[in-house]
Amino acid sequence: MTTPGGHLSEEPQEERGAPGSRDAGSDEPSGGPTDRPSGTYRGDESVPDHGAEGGAEGDDQTP
């Protein structure tokens, strides 16, 4: 039986694959996969348009 927190030996590199072969992500947190094309996707809107006053839907502020 192993001791909780005890050191286990690492598997050999040849069993894990080439260095970097499992690296499929970004270097930044929440960066997502790195195979995405760079730039802006056509039609991509990050902020919806709520009109000139910026009121939320259903927020009737008419006097």
C-alpha atoms as a PDB file:
ATOM      1  CA  MET A   1       0.000   0.000   0.000  1.00  0.00           C
ATOM      2  CA  THR A   2       1.253   3.484  -0.790  1.00  0.00           C
ATOM      3  CA  THR A   3       1.467   6.297   1.681  1.00  0.00           C
ATOM      4  CA  PRO A   4      -0.835   9.246   0.925  1.00  0.00           C
ATOM      5  CA  GLY A   5       1.316  12.079  -0.365  1.00  0.00           C
ATOM      6  CA  GLY A   6       4.171   9.680  -1.041  1.00  0.00           C
ATOM      7  CA  HIS A   7       6.305  10.237  -4.140  1.00  0.00           C
ATOM      8  CA  LEU A   8       5.550   8.056  -7.130  1.00  0.00           C
ATOM      9  CA  SER A   9       8.111   7.627  -9.865  1.00  0.00           C
ATOM     10  CA  GLU A  10       7.324   9.293 -13.173  1.00  0.00           C
ATOM     11  CA  GLU A  11       6.712   7.259 -16.302  1.00  0.00           C
ATOM     12  CA  PRO A  12       9.565   7.344 -18.830  1.00  0.00           C
ATOM     13  CA  GLN A  13       9.389  10.089 -21.480  1.00  0.00           C
ATOM     14  CA  GLU A  14       9.197   7.523 -24.300  1.00  0.00           C
ATOM     15  CA  GLU A  15       5.889   6.276 -22.838  1.00  0.00           C
ATOM     16  CA  ARG A  16       4.513   9.825 -22.687  1.00  0.00           C
ATOM     17  CA  GLY A  17       5.362  10.797 -26.259  1.00  0.00           C
ATOM     18  CA  ALA A  18       7.562  13.507 -27.651  1.00  0.00           C
ATOM     19  CA  PRO A  19       8.054  16.631 -25.520  1.00  0.00           C
ATOM     20  CA  GLY A  20       5.150  18.994 -26.158  1.00  0.00           C
ATOM     21  CA  SER A  21       3.030  16.335 -27.869  1.00  0.00           C
ATOM     22  CA  ARG A  22       0.253  16.732 -25.304  1.00  0.00           C
ATOM     23  CA  ASP A  23       0.385  20.509 -25.343  1.00  0.00           C
ATOM     24  CA  ALA A  24      -2.792  21.557 -27.144  1.00  0.00           C
ATOM     25  CA  GLY A  25      -3.708  24.650 -25.179  1.00  0.00           C
ATOM     26  CA  SER A  26      -2.845  28.254 -24.681  1.00  0.00           C
ATOM     27  CA  ASP A  27      -0.198  29.614 -22.346  1.00  0.00           C
ATOM     28  CA  GLU A  28      -2.853  31.918 -20.861  1.00  0.00           C
ATOM     29  CA  PRO A  29      -5.605  30.824 -18.451  1.00  0.00           C
ATOM     30  CA  SER A  30      -8.911  30.354 -20.296  1.00  0.00           C
ATOM     31  CA  GLY A  31      -7.050  30.869 -23.559  1.00  0.00           C
ATOM     32  CA  GLY A  32      -8.622  27.893 -25.301  1.00  0.00           C
ATOM     33  CA  PRO A  33      -7.044  25.769 -28.001  1.00  0.00           C
ATOM     34  CA  THR A  34      -4.223  27.271 -30.023  1.00  0.00           C
ATOM     35  CA  ASP A  35      -5.455  25.975 -33.392  1.00  0.00           C
ATOM     36  CA  ARG A  36      -8.050  28.750 -33.669  1.00  0.00           C
ATOM     37  CA  PRO A  37      -7.459  31.236 -36.476  1.00  0.00           C
ATOM     38  CA  SER A  38      -6.253  34.617 -35.297  1.00  0.00           C
ATOM     39  CA  GLY A  39      -8.319  37.729 -35.770  1.00  0.00           C
ATOM     40  CA  THR A  40     -12.013  38.468 -35.481  1.00  0.00           C
ATOM     41  CA  TYR A  41     -14.686  36.116 -36.724  1.00  0.00           C
ATOM     42  CA  ARG A  42     -16.984  37.881 -39.195  1.00  0.00           C
ATOM     43  CA  GLY A  43     -20.267  38.678 -37.459  1.00  0.00           C
ATOM     44  CA  ASP A  44     -18.811  38.108 -34.003  1.00  0.00           C
ATOM     45  CA  GLU A  45     -20.257  40.618 -31.576  1.00  0.00           C
ATOM     46  CA  SER A  46     -18.935  40.490 -28.043  1.00  0.00           C
ATOM     47  CA  VAL A  47     -21.401  43.061 -26.667  1.00  0.00           C
ATOM     48  CA  PRO A  48     -25.046  43.206 -27.768  1.00  0.00           C
ATOM     49  CA  ASP A  49     -26.469  46.561 -28.850  1.00  0.00           C
ATOM     50  CA  HIS A  50     -29.038  47.827 -26.313  1.00  0.00           C
ATOM     51  CA  GLY A  51     -29.786  51.136 -27.982  1.00  0.00           C
ATOM     52  CA  ALA A  52     -28.610  54.683 -27.379  1.00  0.00           C
ATOM     53  CA  GLU A  53     -29.360  54.816 -23.628  1.00  0.00           C
ATOM     54  CA  GLY A  54     -27.931  51.393 -22.894  1.00  0.00           C
ATOM     55  CA  GLY A  55     -31.006  50.158 -21.025  1.00  0.00           C
ATOM     56  CA  ALA A  56     -31.491  46.440 -20.581  1.00  0.00           C
ATOM     57  CA  GLU A  57     -34.346  44.601 -22.271  1.00  0.00           C
ATOM     58  CA  GLY A  58     -37.557  45.105 -20.294  1.00  0.00           C
ATOM     59  CA  ASP A  59     -36.093  48.123 -18.497  1.00  0.00           C
ATOM     60  CA  ASP A  60     -38.666  50.753 -19.487  1.00  0.00           C
ATOM     61  CA  GLN A  61     -37.425  54.132 -18.281  1.00  0.00           C
ATOM     62  CA  THR A  62     -39.776  56.267 -20.392  1.00  0.00           C
ATOM     63  CA  PRO A  63     -41.133  59.278 -18.369  1.00  0.00           C
END
